[in-house]
Amino acid sequence: MLPAFYYSSYIFALAAIFIMSLGVAVINVSANPMAALLGHPSGAHVRVNIVQLFSRIGFALTPIIATSLIYGRDHSISFHLPYLMLGVGTFLVAIFILFSALPSLKPDVLKDFSFLSVLKGSRKYPQLFWGVITMFFYMGAETGTAGFFINYLRDSSIAGFSVEQATRFLTYYYIASAVFSFAGILLLQFVSAGKIIAFFGTAMVLLYLLTALTTSLYNPYYLLGIGAFISILFATIFSLGIEGAGKYTEKGSALLNMAIVGGAVFPPLQGMLADFKGVQISYLIPCFCVVMVVMYGIFCHRRSLQIKQIKNPV
């Protein structure tokens, strides 16, 4: 990012973001399953959600911190500063991990590795196979909700917010998500992960319908409610997907991360609907995506009950 800033180069900035995206993908493939494997399997959902809790806190703080770093008092723009902070911070965390007492958790040597072979192998683990499909739809809901958030609130027929008001509400959205992430972590210790996904998802579907089909002073708060209930979905879907995958955990993690491409598929569809029918009705797209998440939650809950019956027959 330094040469991109000093040479005012779009190509350098694009290359830097591309390289960082590669790094984030690699970290996601390894870090999430590692959090799930570090400890007893019964606590995997909680551990992955703790990781997601810090992520949500980061989402909430980023607009405030990044804005203060990028825009100077003399109206100068220093877009490289947040990236320098992230780079230094990531480097320090890597050093701490290097000298920590974490177990190696080395995977088996892969043979004949390909996308099709991994996808075919995932069919042996129904929770993983359907989890990958669910993650695809979930990412469509998450990116569509946040991506059209400001346009929705600025629409004069809905809320008519200024850019500053809409941006502030987006920060509230992530704060609500962080708070409910903590609540979700507590619930996961008493309620099955599948049941929580089904319950949170159903609440989101109702809020999406209110967001898309009604107009009142409460519409901005419907979006905040969606932010609250979406809080634990990513981490819980991820941990459910790799639950019981055994030696297939690493491959399953890779598939789940590849399913994030859903975040690039659904927003254009939502944009087309917004252009044709308006931004409000376009929220039916993420609503449909979350219906798929609810179905996965019900599937996982019923499957967990069946496994318990097999292990503990009456």
Protein backbone atom coordinates (compact mmCIF):
# COMPACT_ATOMS: atom_id res chain seq x y z
CA MET A 1 0.00 0.00 0.00
CA LEU A 2 2.95 2.36 0.49
CA PRO A 3 3.89 2.54 -3.20
CA ALA A 4 0.18 2.76 -4.05
CA PHE A 5 -0.08 5.85 -1.84
CA TYR A 6 3.14 7.59 -2.86
CA TYR A 7 2.67 6.93 -6.58
CA SER A 8 -1.12 7.38 -6.52
CA SER A 9 -1.37 4.06 -8.34
CA TYR A 10 -4.66 2.21 -8.67
CA ILE A 11 -2.82 -0.87 -10.01
CA PHE A 12 -0.58 -1.05 -6.91
CA ALA A 13 -3.59 -0.63 -4.61
CA LEU A 14 -5.52 -3.35 -6.47
CA ALA A 15 -2.52 -5.70 -6.32
CA ALA A 16 -2.10 -5.06 -2.58
CA ILE A 17 -5.77 -5.81 -1.87
CA PHE A 18 -5.56 -8.97 -4.01
CA ILE A 19 -2.53 -10.21 -2.06
CA MET A 20 -4.19 -9.42 1.28
CA SER A 21 -7.32 -11.28 0.16
CA LEU A 22 -5.21 -14.35 -0.59
CA GLY A 23 -3.73 -14.14 2.90
CA VAL A 24 -7.14 -13.76 4.54
CA ALA A 25 -8.43 -16.82 2.64
CA VAL A 26 -5.45 -18.94 3.76
CA ILE A 27 -5.88 -17.82 7.38
CA ASN A 28 -9.62 -18.57 7.30
CA VAL A 29 -9.02 -22.07 5.94
CA SER A 30 -6.64 -22.86 8.81
CA ALA A 31 -7.72 -20.67 11.74
CA ASN A 32 -11.41 -21.61 11.98
CA PRO A 33 -10.88 -25.40 12.07
CA MET A 34 -7.93 -24.88 14.43
CA ALA A 35 -10.19 -23.01 16.85
CA ALA A 36 -12.68 -25.86 16.58
CA LEU A 37 -10.03 -28.54 17.21
CA LEU A 38 -8.31 -26.84 20.16
CA GLY A 39 -10.22 -28.54 22.94
CA HIS A 40 -13.16 -30.87 23.50
CA PRO A 41 -15.50 -31.27 20.47
CA SER A 42 -18.52 -30.20 22.55
CA GLY A 43 -17.06 -26.69 22.84
CA ALA A 44 -16.14 -26.26 19.17
CA HIS A 45 -19.14 -24.03 18.36
CA VAL A 46 -18.35 -21.76 21.29
CA ARG A 47 -14.66 -21.41 20.37
CA VAL A 48 -15.35 -20.55 16.73
CA ASN A 49 -18.00 -18.04 17.83
CA ILE A 50 -15.48 -16.40 20.18
CA VAL A 51 -13.27 -15.87 17.12
CA GLN A 52 -16.28 -14.39 15.31
CA LEU A 53 -17.06 -12.16 18.32
CA PHE A 54 -13.72 -10.40 17.94
CA SER A 55 -14.39 -10.13 14.22
CA ARG A 56 -17.70 -8.38 14.91
CA ILE A 57 -16.02 -6.00 17.34
CA GLY A 58 -13.50 -5.22 14.62
CA PHE A 59 -16.32 -4.50 12.16
CA ALA A 60 -17.87 -2.07 14.65
CA LEU A 61 -14.63 -0.21 15.36
CA THR A 62 -13.24 -0.13 11.82
CA PRO A 63 -15.42 2.71 10.41
CA ILE A 64 -14.49 4.96 13.35
CA ILE A 65 -10.76 4.17 13.53
CA ALA A 66 -10.17 3.92 9.79
CA THR A 67 -11.97 7.19 9.09
CA SER A 68 -9.86 9.05 11.67
CA LEU A 69 -6.69 7.62 10.13
CA ILE A 70 -7.59 8.20 6.49
CA TYR A 71 -8.95 11.75 6.66
CA GLY A 72 -6.60 14.37 8.11
CA ARG A 73 -7.58 17.73 9.61
CA ASP A 74 -6.15 19.52 6.57
CA HIS A 75 -8.49 17.48 4.31
CA SER A 76 -5.62 15.22 3.26
CA ILE A 77 -6.24 11.53 2.56
CA SER A 78 -3.85 8.87 3.85
CA PHE A 79 -5.54 5.62 2.83
CA HIS A 80 -2.36 3.62 3.51
CA LEU A 81 -2.29 4.22 7.29
CA PRO A 82 -4.98 1.65 8.28
CA TYR A 83 -3.21 -0.99 6.18
CA LEU A 84 0.13 -0.22 7.83
CA MET A 85 -1.48 -0.67 11.26
CA LEU A 86 -3.08 -3.95 10.16
CA GLY A 87 0.23 -5.15 8.72
CA VAL A 88 2.21 -4.41 11.87
CA GLY A 89 -0.51 -5.90 14.08
CA THR A 90 -0.76 -9.08 12.00
CA PHE A 91 3.03 -9.47 12.04
CA LEU A 92 3.11 -9.21 15.84
CA VAL A 93 0.30 -11.75 16.21
CA ALA A 94 2.19 -14.12 13.90
CA ILE A 95 5.29 -13.79 16.11
CA PHE A 96 3.23 -14.52 19.23
CA ILE A 97 1.72 -17.62 17.59
CA LEU A 98 5.17 -18.79 16.46
CA PHE A 99 6.45 -18.85 20.04
CA SER A 100 3.21 -20.10 21.63
CA ALA A 101 2.57 -23.63 22.89
CA LEU A 102 -0.17 -24.39 20.35
CA PRO A 103 -0.23 -28.00 19.05
CA SER A 104 0.86 -28.49 15.44
CA LEU A 105 -2.32 -30.34 14.27
CA LYS A 106 -0.57 -31.38 11.07
CA PRO A 107 -2.97 -32.74 8.41
CA ASP A 108 -2.45 -35.90 6.42
CA VAL A 109 -0.49 -35.66 3.18
CA LEU A 110 -2.99 -34.98 0.39
CA LYS A 111 -3.04 -37.20 -2.69
CA ASP A 112 -4.88 -36.51 -5.96
CA PHE A 113 -6.15 -33.22 -4.52
CA SER A 114 -8.69 -31.35 -6.66
CA PHE A 115 -11.85 -29.36 -6.12
CA LEU A 116 -14.09 -32.04 -7.63
CA SER A 117 -12.50 -34.82 -5.58
CA VAL A 118 -12.90 -32.82 -2.35
CA LEU A 119 -16.50 -31.93 -3.18
CA LYS A 120 -17.27 -35.57 -4.01
CA GLY A 121 -15.63 -36.72 -0.77
CA SER A 122 -17.73 -34.26 1.25
CA ARG A 123 -20.88 -36.25 0.39
CA LYS A 124 -19.75 -38.81 2.98
CA TYR A 125 -20.39 -36.09 5.56
CA PRO A 126 -23.97 -34.77 4.99
CA GLN A 127 -23.58 -32.00 7.56
CA LEU A 128 -20.51 -30.72 5.68
CA PHE A 129 -22.00 -31.13 2.20
CA TRP A 130 -25.16 -29.19 3.06
CA GLY A 131 -23.13 -26.81 5.19
CA VAL A 132 -21.15 -25.73 2.12
CA ILE A 133 -24.37 -25.02 0.23
CA THR A 134 -25.80 -23.17 3.25
CA MET A 135 -22.64 -21.07 3.60
CA PHE A 136 -23.04 -20.05 -0.05
CA PHE A 137 -26.53 -18.69 0.67
CA TYR A 138 -25.55 -17.20 4.03
CA MET A 139 -22.81 -15.09 2.44
CA GLY A 140 -25.35 -13.81 -0.05
CA ALA A 141 -27.50 -12.64 2.85
CA GLU A 142 -24.64 -11.05 4.80
CA THR A 143 -23.14 -9.10 1.89
CA GLY A 144 -26.54 -8.07 0.55
CA THR A 145 -27.74 -6.78 3.91
CA ALA A 146 -24.65 -4.67 4.65
CA GLY A 147 -23.99 -3.73 1.02
CA PHE A 148 -27.40 -2.09 0.47
CA PHE A 149 -27.72 -0.81 4.05
CA ILE A 150 -26.81 2.84 3.41
CA ASN A 151 -28.78 3.08 0.15
CA TYR A 152 -31.81 1.65 1.95
CA LEU A 153 -31.69 4.20 4.77
CA ARG A 154 -31.01 7.10 2.39
CA ASP A 155 -34.10 6.28 0.31
CA SER A 156 -36.51 9.17 0.85
CA SER A 157 -39.52 6.85 0.70
CA ILE A 158 -38.16 4.76 3.61
CA ALA A 159 -36.05 6.72 6.09
CA GLY A 160 -34.46 9.60 4.18
CA PHE A 161 -31.27 9.54 6.24
CA SER A 162 -28.20 11.59 5.41
CA VAL A 163 -24.96 9.78 4.61
CA GLU A 164 -23.68 10.51 8.12
CA GLN A 165 -26.85 9.15 9.78
CA ALA A 166 -26.83 6.02 7.62
CA THR A 167 -23.14 5.40 8.32
CA ARG A 168 -23.76 5.80 12.05
CA PHE A 169 -26.54 3.22 11.87
CA LEU A 170 -24.20 0.84 10.05
CA THR A 171 -21.85 1.12 13.03
CA TYR A 172 -24.81 0.38 15.34
CA TYR A 173 -25.56 -2.63 13.14
CA TYR A 174 -22.13 -4.10 13.84
CA ILE A 175 -22.31 -3.18 17.53
CA ALA A 176 -25.62 -5.09 17.79
CA SER A 177 -23.97 -8.00 16.04
CA ALA A 178 -21.05 -7.99 18.50
CA VAL A 179 -23.37 -7.86 21.54
CA PHE A 180 -25.53 -10.73 20.28
CA SER A 181 -22.41 -12.73 19.41
CA PHE A 182 -21.64 -12.75 23.12
CA ALA A 183 -25.24 -13.73 23.93
CA GLY A 184 -25.06 -16.48 21.33
CA ILE A 185 -21.88 -17.87 22.88
CA LEU A 186 -23.73 -18.21 26.18
CA LEU A 187 -26.74 -19.86 24.52
CA LEU A 188 -24.57 -22.40 22.71
CA GLN A 189 -23.59 -23.88 26.06
CA PHE A 190 -27.22 -24.86 26.75
CA VAL A 191 -28.98 -25.12 23.36
CA SER A 192 -28.00 -27.14 20.28
CA ALA A 193 -26.27 -25.18 17.53
CA GLY A 194 -28.81 -26.27 14.93
CA LYS A 195 -31.73 -25.06 17.02
CA ILE A 196 -30.08 -21.66 17.57
CA ILE A 197 -29.43 -21.26 13.83
CA ALA A 198 -33.07 -22.12 13.09
CA PHE A 199 -34.36 -19.68 15.73
CA PHE A 200 -32.04 -16.79 14.81
CA GLY A 201 -32.69 -17.38 11.11
CA THR A 202 -36.47 -17.38 11.57
CA ALA A 203 -36.25 -14.07 13.43
CA MET A 204 -34.19 -12.68 10.54
CA VAL A 205 -36.73 -13.84 7.95
CA LEU A 206 -39.50 -11.99 9.82
CA LEU A 207 -37.36 -8.84 10.05
CA TYR A 208 -36.46 -9.05 6.34
CA LEU A 209 -40.15 -9.25 5.45
CA LEU A 210 -40.87 -6.19 7.59
CA THR A 211 -37.88 -4.41 6.03
CA ALA A 212 -38.97 -5.21 2.47
CA LEU A 213 -42.75 -4.95 2.68
CA THR A 214 -43.55 -2.27 5.29
CA THR A 215 -42.67 1.38 5.78
CA SER A 216 -42.60 3.01 9.19
CA LEU A 217 -40.32 4.77 11.67
CA TYR A 218 -39.12 1.33 12.76
CA ASN A 219 -37.52 0.30 9.46
CA PRO A 220 -33.98 1.36 10.46
CA TYR A 221 -34.36 -0.71 13.63
CA TYR A 222 -35.45 -3.76 11.64
CA LEU A 223 -32.02 -3.63 10.01
CA LEU A 224 -30.35 -3.38 13.42
CA GLY A 225 -32.34 -6.45 14.47
CA ILE A 226 -31.06 -8.33 11.44
CA GLY A 227 -27.52 -7.37 12.47
CA ALA A 228 -28.16 -8.77 15.93
CA PHE A 229 -29.50 -12.15 14.77
CA ILE A 230 -26.95 -12.60 11.98
CA SER A 231 -24.21 -12.39 14.63
CA ILE A 232 -23.44 -16.06 15.23
CA LEU A 233 -24.56 -17.58 11.92
CA PHE A 234 -21.23 -17.62 10.04
CA ALA A 235 -19.22 -19.19 12.85
CA THR A 236 -21.93 -21.68 13.81
CA ILE A 237 -22.55 -22.81 10.22
CA PHE A 238 -18.80 -23.22 9.84
CA SER A 239 -18.34 -25.25 13.02
CA LEU A 240 -21.40 -27.39 12.26
CA GLY A 241 -20.06 -28.07 8.78
CA ILE A 242 -16.75 -29.50 10.02
CA GLU A 243 -18.28 -31.19 13.08
CA GLY A 244 -17.51 -34.90 12.98
CA ALA A 245 -15.49 -34.58 9.77
CA GLY A 246 -12.39 -36.08 11.42
CA LYS A 247 -9.45 -36.23 9.02
CA TYR A 248 -11.59 -34.47 6.43
CA THR A 249 -11.69 -31.29 8.55
CA GLU A 250 -9.03 -29.40 6.55
CA LYS A 251 -10.65 -30.20 3.20
CA GLY A 252 -14.07 -29.36 4.59
CA SER A 253 -12.75 -26.04 5.85
CA ALA A 254 -11.44 -25.24 2.39
CA LEU A 255 -14.85 -26.01 0.85
CA LEU A 256 -16.65 -23.84 3.38
CA ASN A 257 -14.32 -20.95 2.62
CA MET A 258 -14.83 -21.41 -1.11
CA ALA A 259 -18.58 -21.13 -0.51
CA ILE A 260 -17.96 -17.50 0.47
CA VAL A 261 -18.21 -16.83 -3.27
CA GLY A 262 -21.95 -16.57 -2.59
CA GLY A 263 -21.15 -13.06 -1.41
CA ALA A 264 -20.24 -12.22 -5.00
CA VAL A 265 -23.22 -13.96 -6.62
CA PHE A 266 -26.27 -12.61 -4.78
CA PRO A 267 -25.51 -8.84 -4.48
CA PRO A 268 -25.65 -8.35 -8.29
CA LEU A 269 -29.03 -10.12 -8.29
CA GLN A 270 -30.17 -7.88 -5.46
CA GLY A 271 -28.87 -4.86 -7.37
CA MET A 272 -30.86 -5.84 -10.46
CA LEU A 273 -34.01 -6.18 -8.37
CA ALA A 274 -33.27 -2.83 -6.69
CA ASP A 275 -32.94 -1.13 -10.09
CA PHE A 276 -36.17 -2.72 -11.28
CA LYS A 277 -38.39 -2.58 -8.19
CA GLY A 278 -36.51 -0.43 -5.65
CA VAL A 279 -33.96 -1.04 -2.91
CA GLN A 280 -36.63 -1.91 -0.35
CA ILE A 281 -38.10 -4.86 -2.19
CA SER A 282 -34.57 -6.06 -3.03
CA TYR A 283 -34.20 -7.23 0.57
CA LEU A 284 -36.32 -10.23 -0.38
CA ILE A 285 -33.12 -11.69 -1.90
CA PRO A 286 -31.24 -12.00 1.44
CA CYS A 287 -34.54 -13.10 3.00
CA PHE A 288 -34.65 -16.09 0.64
CA CYS A 289 -31.01 -16.86 1.42
CA VAL A 290 -31.72 -17.00 5.15
CA VAL A 291 -34.66 -19.38 4.58
CA MET A 292 -32.02 -21.85 3.35
CA VAL A 293 -30.06 -21.25 6.56
CA VAL A 294 -33.14 -22.01 8.68
CA MET A 295 -33.63 -25.30 6.83
CA TYR A 296 -29.99 -26.24 7.54
CA GLY A 297 -30.43 -25.45 11.23
CA ILE A 298 -33.47 -27.75 11.41
CA PHE A 299 -31.54 -30.47 9.56
CA CYS A 300 -28.58 -30.25 11.95
CA HIS A 301 -30.78 -30.24 15.05
CA ARG A 302 -32.71 -33.32 13.92
CA ARG A 303 -29.46 -35.05 12.98
CA SER A 304 -27.99 -34.36 16.43
CA LEU A 305 -31.10 -35.88 18.04
CA GLN A 306 -30.79 -38.98 15.85
CA ILE A 307 -27.11 -39.39 16.79
CA LYS A 308 -27.99 -39.09 20.49
CA GLN A 309 -30.66 -41.77 20.12
CA ILE A 310 -28.17 -44.11 18.45
CA LYS A 311 -25.56 -43.53 21.16
CA ASN A 312 -28.08 -43.70 24.02
CA PRO A 313 -30.93 -46.04 22.97
CA VAL A 314 -33.84 -46.21 25.35
